[in-house]
Amino acid sequence: MLRRVGTILWILVLLFGAAWVYLKSRPESTAILVDASGVVGATPDGRAFAEVPWKRLPHMRRFQMTAADRQPFGTDELKGNPYVVSFFFANCPTICRDLNRQVSRLANEFKGSELEFVSISVDPDNDSPDRLKEYSAEFQANPDQWHFLTGPMHRVNAIGRQQFNVIVDGVHHTGDLFLVDRWGRWRDRFTWDDPREMKRFSEIAREVLAEDKPPIDATLRTRNVLASLDHRQFNSPWLFDFQLIDDEGNPFWSRDLTGQVQVVSFFFTRCPTVCPRQNRFLAGIQADLTGRNVAIVSITTDPQNDDPATLRQYARGLGAGDDWHFLTGDLDYIRKVGSEFLGIASEGEHHSTMLVVIDRWGQPRGRIDWQAEGARKVLLELIDRLNTGFAPSGDDRIETNVPEELP
């Protein structure tokens, strides 16, 4: 018996040793490392929390639906106010009514404050504006505080799946309440029928209402645990920001640049023609950007060759400063960054030479052809405009005097 135990122990030692040798000897990889250090884990009742930097919280993208008064209503009307999003349908005889009774209670609790409530129908075929008007009257909803919205199902899905990563398919929808702060960040989620969650809601909502400037350097405890995870750990149907690898081999989150205007471009180090000229243009404006709170982000479209060490050497050759970030990663993911988030081509050698300007809240706001006459002046003017004010400006595109504006 002892001999058998000793043999098993020796086998385990050999296996551990072999694994250690493999891990030490394998080549450097640009794979994105999983950073779950902020995940606190599940509480005994199954709720999961994470410690998340505020600037990594997802930013709500612009949406517009139709309200019970038949008027367009969306993020433009909510701008500057915190709000709570929930999903329901008027013909639901049980859970939805209980959910909205809870929302009614919360609306009364925060009556007179800036907190607004947005209830989105997942049954637009039946929930016309007139039906929603009747339904809202049953809850004596104040139309200035509590908004019942309807619209095409693809818009409902875009809000649910793309922004909150939850299912909103007809009668199948989440029962959670989603709190968005006045800066447009999805702050937290709450279970409406859990008394502990509703107590927590009241506390967090009051914190959000008390904020008079973005808590850029704060770290928050939230049930929005997706914000702390590597992008490959959940099935995100659309990119509203991105995570790549910098030239030091570390994970780089675009959200970490919240508070700075970004100038983003694509290139590859082996490019013999346009890329060198593009990057010399960017190198030449570094002095102009001093004190303007701007980051330059250059993403390779040739990650197979452009590993962190190659990018680091390339950056040195350009005299790149600390606010110029060179990024690499998986090619398929880089294509998504270009097509879904930035709206420009990022396909190997055939990539766009446009500079995409992103505001301090992580929203693409303009696209500039650096080769056009007067591009430098227009770029600096756009940067200065985006650096004004605390509140996000929505997804409206800023007109410039160069071609190829974002649609």
Protein backbone atom coordinates (compact mmCIF):
# COMPACT_ATOMS: atom_id res chain seq x y z
CA MET A 1 0.00 0.00 0.00
CA LEU A 2 2.76 2.46 0.93
CA ARG A 3 4.65 1.56 -2.25
CA ARG A 4 1.55 2.36 -4.32
CA VAL A 5 1.12 5.74 -2.60
CA GLY A 6 4.78 6.52 -3.19
CA THR A 7 4.46 5.68 -6.89
CA ILE A 8 1.43 7.95 -7.25
CA LEU A 9 3.27 10.80 -5.56
CA TRP A 10 6.27 10.38 -7.89
CA ILE A 11 3.93 10.44 -10.92
CA LEU A 12 2.33 13.67 -9.69
CA VAL A 13 5.77 15.24 -9.16
CA LEU A 14 6.84 14.26 -12.68
CA LEU A 15 3.64 15.65 -14.20
CA PHE A 16 4.05 18.93 -12.32
CA GLY A 17 7.65 19.19 -13.42
CA ALA A 18 6.77 18.55 -17.05
CA ALA A 19 4.04 21.21 -16.94
CA TRP A 20 6.47 23.72 -15.41
CA VAL A 21 9.08 23.06 -18.09
CA TYR A 22 6.45 23.49 -20.83
CA LEU A 23 5.16 26.77 -19.45
CA LYS A 24 8.67 28.19 -19.08
CA SER A 25 9.81 27.09 -22.53
CA ARG A 26 6.82 28.04 -24.71
CA PRO A 27 7.26 31.15 -26.92
CA GLU A 28 5.96 34.58 -25.96
CA SER A 29 2.32 34.98 -26.94
CA THR A 30 0.16 37.99 -27.65
CA ALA A 31 -2.92 36.24 -26.27
CA ILE A 32 -4.96 38.45 -23.98
CA LEU A 33 -4.53 37.46 -20.36
CA VAL A 34 -7.61 36.93 -18.23
CA ASP A 35 -7.76 39.51 -15.46
CA ALA A 36 -10.38 38.40 -12.99
CA SER A 37 -8.64 39.95 -10.00
CA GLY A 38 -11.52 42.34 -9.45
CA VAL A 39 -14.20 39.66 -9.22
CA VAL A 40 -15.27 39.31 -5.61
CA GLY A 41 -17.26 36.15 -6.28
CA ALA A 42 -20.74 35.00 -5.47
CA THR A 43 -22.41 35.73 -2.15
CA PRO A 44 -24.16 32.84 -0.36
CA ASP A 45 -27.42 33.82 -2.07
CA GLY A 46 -25.80 33.58 -5.53
CA ARG A 47 -25.23 37.27 -6.32
CA ALA A 48 -21.87 38.01 -7.93
CA PHE A 49 -20.03 41.30 -7.40
CA ALA A 50 -16.86 42.82 -8.79
CA GLU A 51 -14.57 45.71 -7.90
CA VAL A 52 -14.49 47.68 -11.16
CA PRO A 53 -12.81 50.99 -12.01
CA TRP A 54 -15.54 53.45 -12.96
CA LYS A 55 -13.93 54.17 -16.31
CA ARG A 56 -14.21 50.49 -17.29
CA LEU A 57 -17.98 50.51 -16.90
CA PRO A 58 -19.74 50.23 -20.30
CA HIS A 59 -21.02 53.43 -21.84
CA MET A 60 -24.61 53.45 -23.04
CA ARG A 61 -24.91 54.09 -26.75
CA ARG A 62 -27.57 56.32 -28.22
CA PHE A 63 -31.02 54.84 -28.67
CA GLN A 64 -34.39 56.27 -29.59
CA MET A 65 -37.82 54.70 -29.18
CA THR A 66 -41.43 55.93 -29.15
CA ALA A 67 -43.05 57.03 -25.90
CA ALA A 68 -46.66 56.64 -24.80
CA ASP A 69 -47.38 60.19 -26.04
CA ARG A 70 -46.25 59.09 -29.54
CA GLN A 71 -43.18 61.33 -29.35
CA PRO A 72 -39.61 60.11 -29.95
CA PHE A 73 -37.80 59.47 -26.70
CA GLY A 74 -34.32 58.18 -25.91
CA THR A 75 -30.89 58.99 -24.61
CA ASP A 76 -30.98 62.54 -25.99
CA GLU A 77 -33.90 63.37 -23.69
CA LEU A 78 -32.21 61.63 -20.73
CA LYS A 79 -28.87 63.37 -21.19
CA GLY A 80 -27.37 64.54 -17.92
CA ASN A 81 -29.83 62.61 -15.71
CA PRO A 82 -29.30 59.15 -14.20
CA TYR A 83 -31.92 56.61 -15.23
CA VAL A 84 -33.11 53.04 -14.64
CA VAL A 85 -33.91 50.68 -17.52
CA SER A 86 -36.25 47.68 -17.26
CA PHE A 87 -38.09 45.41 -19.71
CA PHE A 88 -41.73 44.28 -19.65
CA PHE A 89 -44.83 43.74 -21.79
CA ALA A 90 -48.30 45.01 -21.05
CA ASN A 91 -50.13 41.70 -21.57
CA CYS A 92 -48.00 39.95 -18.95
CA PRO A 93 -50.48 39.11 -16.18
CA THR A 94 -48.05 38.31 -13.36
CA ILE A 95 -44.33 39.08 -13.08
CA CYS A 96 -44.30 42.25 -15.17
CA ARG A 97 -47.03 43.80 -13.07
CA ASP A 98 -45.17 42.91 -9.88
CA LEU A 99 -41.99 44.36 -11.39
CA ASN A 100 -43.72 47.61 -12.31
CA ARG A 101 -45.33 47.89 -8.89
CA GLN A 102 -41.77 47.84 -7.53
CA VAL A 103 -40.69 50.46 -10.08
CA SER A 104 -43.69 52.58 -9.01
CA ARG A 105 -42.53 52.35 -5.41
CA LEU A 106 -39.00 53.42 -6.40
CA ALA A 107 -40.36 56.27 -8.50
CA ASN A 108 -42.27 57.54 -5.46
CA GLU A 109 -39.17 57.16 -3.28
CA PHE A 110 -37.15 59.32 -5.68
CA LYS A 111 -39.96 61.71 -6.58
CA GLY A 112 -38.60 65.19 -7.19
CA SER A 113 -35.06 63.98 -7.92
CA GLU A 114 -33.30 63.78 -11.28
CA LEU A 115 -33.59 59.96 -11.38
CA GLU A 116 -35.76 58.78 -14.27
CA PHE A 117 -37.22 55.36 -15.11
CA VAL A 118 -37.38 53.80 -18.58
CA SER A 119 -39.62 50.76 -19.14
CA ILE A 120 -39.14 49.18 -22.58
CA SER A 121 -41.73 46.84 -24.07
CA VAL A 122 -40.51 43.52 -25.48
CA ASP A 123 -43.86 43.07 -27.29
CA PRO A 124 -43.99 45.99 -29.74
CA ASP A 125 -46.57 44.24 -31.95
CA ASN A 126 -49.16 44.66 -29.20
CA ASP A 127 -47.76 47.49 -27.11
CA SER A 128 -48.64 50.51 -29.20
CA PRO A 129 -48.21 54.00 -27.70
CA ASP A 130 -51.94 54.07 -26.91
CA ARG A 131 -51.70 50.74 -25.09
CA LEU A 132 -48.69 51.98 -23.11
CA LYS A 133 -50.56 55.15 -22.19
CA GLU A 134 -53.41 53.06 -20.72
CA TYR A 135 -50.90 50.79 -18.97
CA SER A 136 -48.92 53.66 -17.43
CA ALA A 137 -52.15 55.18 -16.11
CA GLU A 138 -52.78 51.98 -14.14
CA PHE A 139 -49.58 52.73 -12.19
CA GLN A 140 -50.27 56.46 -11.99
CA ALA A 141 -46.87 57.02 -13.62
CA ASN A 142 -45.61 60.58 -13.85
CA PRO A 143 -44.73 60.96 -17.58
CA ASP A 144 -41.93 63.38 -16.69
CA GLN A 145 -40.24 60.75 -14.53
CA TRP A 146 -41.34 57.32 -15.76
CA HIS A 147 -41.22 56.65 -19.50
CA PHE A 148 -42.90 53.68 -21.22
CA LEU A 149 -41.31 53.01 -24.61
CA THR A 150 -42.02 50.88 -27.65
CA GLY A 151 -40.42 50.46 -31.06
CA PRO A 152 -39.12 47.93 -33.59
CA MET A 153 -37.95 44.65 -32.09
CA HIS A 154 -34.47 45.04 -33.53
CA ARG A 155 -34.05 48.22 -31.50
CA VAL A 156 -35.27 46.49 -28.36
CA ASN A 157 -32.81 43.67 -28.97
CA ALA A 158 -29.99 46.16 -29.58
CA ILE A 159 -30.60 47.74 -26.18
CA GLY A 160 -30.94 44.45 -24.34
CA ARG A 161 -28.35 42.24 -26.04
CA GLN A 162 -25.80 44.75 -27.24
CA GLN A 163 -25.82 47.16 -24.31
CA PHE A 164 -26.77 45.03 -21.29
CA ASN A 165 -25.89 41.57 -22.69
CA VAL A 166 -29.28 40.13 -21.67
CA ILE A 167 -31.99 38.28 -23.58
CA VAL A 168 -35.01 40.33 -24.60
CA ASP A 169 -36.85 38.02 -26.98
CA GLY A 170 -40.58 38.61 -26.89
CA VAL A 171 -42.02 37.32 -23.64
CA HIS A 172 -38.56 36.08 -22.56
CA HIS A 173 -36.81 38.99 -20.92
CA THR A 174 -34.71 39.84 -17.90
CA GLY A 175 -36.38 41.08 -14.75
CA ASP A 176 -33.34 43.07 -13.56
CA LEU A 177 -33.20 46.82 -13.18
CA PHE A 178 -30.21 48.52 -14.83
CA LEU A 179 -28.92 51.78 -13.36
CA VAL A 180 -27.15 54.23 -15.68
CA ASP A 181 -25.40 57.22 -14.11
CA ARG A 182 -25.57 60.81 -15.35
CA TRP A 183 -22.35 60.27 -17.31
CA GLY A 184 -23.93 57.49 -19.35
CA ARG A 185 -22.17 54.58 -17.61
CA TRP A 186 -24.04 51.36 -16.90
CA ARG A 187 -23.38 51.48 -13.19
CA ASP A 188 -25.08 48.45 -11.64
CA ARG A 189 -27.88 45.90 -11.91
CA PHE A 190 -30.47 44.95 -9.31
CA THR A 191 -32.96 42.15 -8.74
CA TRP A 192 -36.31 43.84 -8.30
CA ASP A 193 -37.91 41.25 -5.95
CA ASP A 194 -34.97 40.91 -3.53
CA PRO A 195 -35.34 43.24 -0.49
CA ARG A 196 -31.55 43.34 -0.02
CA GLU A 197 -31.12 44.39 -3.64
CA MET A 198 -33.74 47.11 -3.33
CA LYS A 199 -32.03 48.47 -0.24
CA ARG A 200 -28.75 48.46 -2.16
CA PHE A 201 -30.50 50.19 -5.09
CA SER A 202 -31.59 53.06 -2.86
CA GLU A 203 -28.05 53.49 -1.54
CA ILE A 204 -26.35 53.38 -4.95
CA ALA A 205 -28.97 55.60 -6.62
CA ARG A 206 -28.41 58.27 -3.97
CA GLU A 207 -24.66 58.08 -4.52
CA VAL A 208 -25.20 58.52 -8.26
CA LEU A 209 -27.53 61.48 -7.74
CA ALA A 210 -24.98 63.18 -5.48
CA GLU A 211 -22.19 63.09 -8.10
CA ASP A 212 -21.38 66.46 -9.64
CA LYS A 213 -18.39 65.29 -11.68
CA PRO A 214 -17.34 61.98 -13.24
CA PRO A 215 -15.72 59.65 -10.67
CA ILE A 216 -12.95 58.79 -13.14
CA ASP A 217 -10.46 57.52 -10.55
CA ALA A 218 -13.00 55.64 -8.41
CA THR A 219 -13.31 51.86 -8.08
CA LEU A 220 -16.86 50.65 -7.46
CA ARG A 221 -18.43 47.48 -6.12
CA THR A 222 -21.04 46.44 -8.66
CA ARG A 223 -23.01 43.50 -10.01
CA ASN A 224 -21.98 44.58 -13.50
CA VAL A 225 -19.23 41.95 -13.38
CA LEU A 226 -18.90 41.82 -17.18
CA ALA A 227 -17.06 45.12 -17.00
CA SER A 228 -14.18 43.43 -15.17
CA LEU A 229 -13.79 40.47 -17.52
CA ASP A 230 -11.67 39.78 -20.57
CA HIS A 231 -13.73 40.33 -23.72
CA ARG A 232 -13.49 36.63 -24.63
CA GLN A 233 -15.09 35.50 -21.38
CA PHE A 234 -18.59 36.51 -22.44
CA ASN A 235 -20.46 36.54 -25.71
CA SER A 236 -20.55 40.22 -26.60
CA PRO A 237 -22.69 40.63 -29.74
CA TRP A 238 -21.16 44.00 -30.67
CA LEU A 239 -18.09 46.01 -29.75
CA PHE A 240 -18.62 49.37 -28.06
CA ASP A 241 -15.01 49.50 -26.87
CA PHE A 242 -12.06 47.15 -27.08
CA GLN A 243 -9.30 45.32 -25.24
CA LEU A 244 -5.95 44.57 -26.90
CA ILE A 245 -2.27 44.14 -25.95
CA ASP A 246 0.16 47.05 -25.64
CA ASP A 247 3.82 47.14 -26.62
CA GLU A 248 4.81 45.98 -23.13
CA GLY A 249 2.70 42.85 -23.49
CA ASN A 250 0.06 44.05 -21.02
CA PRO A 251 -3.73 44.06 -21.51
CA PHE A 252 -4.94 47.45 -22.74
CA TRP A 253 -8.54 48.57 -22.27
CA SER A 254 -9.87 51.44 -24.36
CA ARG A 255 -12.06 52.33 -21.37
CA ASP A 256 -8.92 53.07 -19.37
CA LEU A 257 -8.56 56.21 -21.49
CA THR A 258 -11.88 57.57 -20.26
CA GLY A 259 -11.34 61.25 -19.54
CA GLN A 260 -8.99 61.67 -22.50
CA VAL A 261 -9.78 62.38 -26.13
CA GLN A 262 -8.35 59.63 -28.34
CA VAL A 263 -6.97 59.73 -31.88
CA VAL A 264 -7.07 56.15 -33.21
CA SER A 265 -5.52 54.76 -36.40
CA PHE A 266 -4.47 51.49 -38.06
CA PHE A 267 -1.05 50.67 -39.48
CA PHE A 268 1.52 47.88 -39.70
CA THR A 269 5.26 48.13 -39.17
CA ARG A 270 6.30 46.49 -42.46
CA CYS A 271 4.24 48.96 -44.52
CA PRO A 272 6.66 50.76 -46.86
CA THR A 273 4.44 53.59 -48.05
CA VAL A 274 1.44 55.26 -46.38
CA CYS A 275 1.91 54.00 -42.78
CA PRO A 276 5.33 55.65 -42.26
CA ARG A 277 3.96 58.97 -43.51
CA GLN A 278 0.83 58.62 -41.36
CA ASN A 279 2.88 57.93 -38.25
CA ARG A 280 5.28 60.78 -39.02
CA PHE A 281 2.21 63.03 -39.13
CA LEU A 282 1.15 61.76 -35.69
CA ALA A 283 4.69 62.12 -34.36
CA GLY A 284 4.72 65.69 -35.65
CA ILE A 285 1.57 66.69 -33.74
CA GLN A 286 2.74 65.31 -30.38
CA ALA A 287 4.05 68.74 -29.36
CA ASP A 288 0.68 70.32 -30.30
CA LEU A 289 -1.13 67.78 -28.12
CA THR A 290 0.86 68.63 -24.99
CA GLY A 291 -1.56 69.86 -22.32
CA ARG A 292 -4.59 68.96 -24.43
CA ASN A 293 -5.40 65.70 -22.56
CA VAL A 294 -5.14 63.50 -25.65
CA ALA A 295 -4.00 59.92 -26.25
CA ILE A 296 -2.88 58.54 -29.61
CA VAL A 297 -3.78 54.88 -30.24
CA SER A 298 -2.14 53.02 -33.15
CA ILE A 299 -3.39 49.47 -33.82
CA THR A 300 -1.50 47.06 -36.05
CA THR A 301 -3.35 45.13 -38.74
CA ASP A 302 -0.46 42.64 -38.98
CA PRO A 303 -0.41 41.09 -35.48
CA GLN A 304 1.32 37.93 -36.69
CA ASN A 305 4.47 39.99 -37.31
CA ASP A 306 3.84 42.95 -34.99
CA ASP A 307 4.27 41.44 -31.54
CA PRO A 308 4.81 43.72 -28.50
CA ALA A 309 8.61 43.73 -28.90
CA THR A 310 8.35 44.77 -32.57
CA LEU A 311 5.89 47.53 -31.71
CA ARG A 312 8.09 48.74 -28.87
CA GLN A 313 11.07 49.11 -31.18
CA TYR A 314 8.91 50.83 -33.83
CA ALA A 315 7.57 53.29 -31.24
CA ARG A 316 11.09 54.22 -30.16
CA GLY A 317 12.00 54.96 -33.76
CA LEU A 318 9.14 57.46 -33.93
CA GLY A 319 9.99 59.12 -30.64
CA ALA A 320 6.58 58.17 -29.28
CA GLY A 321 5.74 59.60 -25.87
CA ASP A 322 3.86 58.02 -22.98
CA ASP A 323 0.47 59.05 -24.39
CA TRP A 324 0.99 57.19 -27.67
CA HIS A 325 -0.11 53.56 -27.39
CA PHE A 326 0.82 50.84 -29.90
CA LEU A 327 -1.49 47.82 -29.78
CA THR A 328 -1.68 44.29 -31.14
CA GLY A 329 -3.90 41.25 -30.61
CA ASP A 330 -5.97 38.68 -32.48
CA LEU A 331 -6.53 39.65 -36.14
CA ASP A 332 -10.22 38.70 -36.19
CA TYR A 333 -10.80 40.82 -33.12
CA ILE A 334 -8.88 43.75 -34.65
CA ARG A 335 -11.20 43.50 -37.67
CA LYS A 336 -14.16 43.82 -35.29
CA VAL A 337 -12.58 46.87 -33.64
CA GLY A 338 -12.38 48.51 -37.05
CA SER A 339 -15.74 47.51 -38.51
CA GLU A 340 -17.97 47.56 -35.42
CA PHE A 341 -16.49 50.19 -33.13
CA LEU A 342 -14.56 52.60 -35.35
CA GLY A 343 -16.46 52.13 -38.61
CA ILE A 344 -13.35 51.88 -40.81
CA ALA A 345 -11.48 49.07 -42.58
CA SER A 346 -8.82 47.16 -40.64
CA GLU A 347 -8.02 44.29 -43.02
CA GLY A 348 -4.28 43.54 -43.15
CA GLU A 349 -2.52 45.69 -45.73
CA HIS A 350 -5.87 47.08 -46.91
CA HIS A 351 -6.70 49.23 -43.92
CA SER A 352 -8.12 52.71 -43.65
CA THR A 353 -5.75 55.66 -43.28
CA MET A 354 -8.40 57.73 -41.52
CA LEU A 355 -7.88 59.05 -38.01
CA VAL A 356 -10.91 58.36 -35.80
CA VAL A 357 -11.39 60.87 -32.99
CA ILE A 358 -13.07 59.50 -29.86
CA ASP A 359 -14.45 61.75 -27.14
CA ARG A 360 -13.68 61.51 -23.43
CA TRP A 361 -16.62 59.15 -22.91
CA GLY A 362 -15.42 56.56 -25.42
CA GLN A 363 -17.69 57.53 -28.32
CA PRO A 364 -16.35 57.92 -31.90
CA ARG A 365 -17.20 61.47 -32.93
CA GLY A 366 -15.30 62.27 -36.12
CA ARG A 367 -13.15 60.82 -38.86
CA ILE A 368 -10.36 62.86 -40.40
CA ASP A 369 -8.20 62.27 -43.45
CA TRP A 370 -4.76 63.33 -42.21
CA GLN A 371 -3.60 63.79 -45.82
CA ALA A 372 -6.25 66.45 -46.55
CA GLU A 373 -5.31 70.11 -46.63
CA GLY A 374 -5.87 71.74 -43.26
CA ALA A 375 -6.30 68.39 -41.46
CA ARG A 376 -3.93 69.34 -38.64
CA LYS A 377 -5.90 72.50 -37.81
CA VAL A 378 -9.27 70.72 -38.00
CA LEU A 379 -8.01 67.88 -35.81
CA LEU A 380 -6.80 70.23 -33.07
CA GLU A 381 -10.05 72.22 -33.17
CA LEU A 382 -12.08 69.03 -32.83
CA ILE A 383 -9.94 67.88 -29.90
CA ASP A 384 -10.43 71.21 -28.13
CA ARG A 385 -14.18 71.05 -28.68
CA LEU A 386 -14.40 67.52 -27.25
CA ASN A 387 -12.43 68.53 -24.18
CA THR A 388 -15.09 70.99 -22.99
CA GLY A 389 -17.77 70.24 -20.41
CA PHE A 390 -18.29 67.38 -18.00
CA ALA A 391 -21.37 65.77 -19.51
CA PRO A 392 -21.21 63.39 -22.49
CA SER A 393 -22.51 64.89 -25.71
CA GLY A 394 -24.30 61.85 -27.11
CA ASP A 395 -23.44 60.08 -30.35
CA ASP A 396 -23.97 63.07 -32.63
CA ARG A 397 -21.22 63.50 -35.18
CA ILE A 398 -19.31 66.74 -35.29
CA GLU A 399 -19.07 68.36 -38.70
CA THR A 400 -15.56 69.17 -39.88
CA ASN A 401 -14.15 70.57 -43.07
CA VAL A 402 -12.50 67.36 -44.18
CA PRO A 403 -14.17 64.47 -46.06
CA GLU A 404 -15.22 61.04 -44.78
CA GLU A 405 -17.25 61.95 -41.75
CA LEU A 406 -18.67 59.14 -39.67
CA PRO A 407 -22.25 58.50 -40.81
